[in-house]
Structures are given as structure tokens and as C-alpha cells.
Amino acid sequence: MRMMNEFEAQVLSDLSMLKTQMTGLMGEGNGGRLAELERRMERHEQNWQRAKGFAAALSVLLAVLEVAFEAWRRR
């Protein structure tokens, strides 16, 4: 069996480093950085939807108050 030359050793070393980095990125199961980023994006989207719902409810409330105030003022 022949020995690896310097280029082959470097390629294997780079592949090993790449495998380590990919494991850190993807994680074992659901523990990687990408999974964490997805969870953060989902939480952000939920918060954004809540804020939009709150703004819609507030605008309806203000419209009702304005109509009530105008009706009271005309009497």
C-alpha cells in the first residue's frame, strides 16, 4: 500500500474540517445553527402577526370611538 502524498493529505484534512463545520451548522438532530435560526424566524413571524392583529383591533376600536363621538356631538 502506498503512502499519501501531500496533496491527498491536505484534501483529507480539508474534508475533515468541512465535515466538522457542516455538523456544527446542521447539528445532530435539531441542534444546529440552522435549526435555531428557523426557530427564531418562526418566533419573529408569530410576533409580527400578533402586532398586525393588535393594530387591526386598535384601528377598529378607534373607528367605533370616532363614530360614537360624532353621534354624541351631533345631539
Protein backbone atom coordinates (compact mmCIF):
# COMPACT_ATOMS: atom_id res chain seq x y z
CA MET A 1 0.00 0.00 0.00
CA ARG A 2 1.40 3.39 -0.94
CA MET A 3 1.65 6.45 1.31
CA MET A 4 -0.45 9.55 0.71
CA ASN A 5 1.24 12.44 -0.95
CA GLU A 6 1.00 15.97 0.45
CA PHE A 7 -1.95 16.93 -1.78
CA GLU A 8 -4.03 13.92 -0.74
CA ALA A 9 -3.29 14.57 2.92
CA GLN A 10 -4.38 18.20 2.50
CA VAL A 11 -7.61 17.14 0.76
CA LEU A 12 -8.44 14.70 3.56
CA SER A 13 -7.67 17.35 6.15
CA ASP A 14 -9.92 19.87 4.38
CA LEU A 15 -12.73 17.32 4.09
CA SER A 16 -12.47 16.53 7.77
CA MET A 17 -12.68 20.26 8.59
CA LEU A 18 -15.67 20.64 6.26
CA LYS A 19 -17.43 17.72 7.92
CA THR A 20 -16.89 19.33 11.33
CA GLN A 21 -18.23 22.66 10.12
CA MET A 22 -21.28 21.05 8.50
CA THR A 23 -22.04 19.16 11.71
CA GLY A 24 -21.90 22.46 13.59
CA LEU A 25 -24.16 24.09 11.04
CA MET A 26 -26.71 21.31 10.68
CA GLY A 27 -26.30 19.81 14.13
CA GLU A 28 -27.03 16.36 15.42
CA GLY A 29 -30.80 16.09 15.04
CA ASN A 30 -32.39 19.50 15.69
CA GLY A 31 -29.47 21.14 17.46
CA GLY A 32 -27.68 23.01 14.69
CA ARG A 33 -27.39 26.68 13.99
CA LEU A 34 -29.78 26.45 11.04
CA ALA A 35 -32.48 24.90 13.23
CA GLU A 36 -32.00 27.69 15.77
CA LEU A 37 -32.28 30.29 13.02
CA GLU A 38 -35.52 28.67 11.80
CA ARG A 39 -36.95 28.76 15.33
CA ARG A 40 -36.02 32.43 15.69
CA MET A 41 -37.65 33.25 12.35
CA GLU A 42 -40.85 31.43 13.39
CA ARG A 43 -40.97 33.38 16.68
CA HIS A 44 -40.40 36.62 14.78
CA GLU A 45 -43.21 35.78 12.35
CA GLN A 46 -45.58 34.99 15.25
CA ASN A 47 -44.73 38.29 16.94
CA TRP A 48 -45.27 40.15 13.66
CA GLN A 49 -48.68 38.51 13.19
CA ARG A 50 -49.66 39.45 16.76
CA ALA A 51 -48.59 43.05 16.18
CA LYS A 52 -50.66 43.23 12.98
CA GLY A 53 -53.68 41.78 14.79
CA PHE A 54 -53.29 44.27 17.63
CA ALA A 55 -53.03 47.17 15.16
CA ALA A 56 -56.17 45.98 13.33
CA ALA A 57 -58.13 45.68 16.58
CA LEU A 58 -56.94 49.12 17.70
CA SER A 59 -57.97 50.71 14.41
CA VAL A 60 -61.47 49.18 14.70
CA LEU A 61 -61.74 50.43 18.28
CA LEU A 62 -60.70 53.94 17.26
CA ALA A 63 -63.19 53.94 14.39
CA VAL A 64 -66.01 52.90 16.74
CA LEU A 65 -64.99 55.61 19.22
CA GLU A 66 -64.93 58.21 16.46
CA VAL A 67 -68.40 57.22 15.25
CA ALA A 68 -69.72 57.32 18.84
CA PHE A 69 -68.13 60.72 19.43
CA GLU A 70 -69.59 62.14 16.21
CA ALA A 71 -73.06 60.79 17.11
CA TRP A 72 -72.79 62.29 20.60
CA ARG A 73 -71.60 65.64 19.23
CA ARG A 74 -74.49 65.95 16.77
CA ARG A 75 -77.14 65.67 19.52
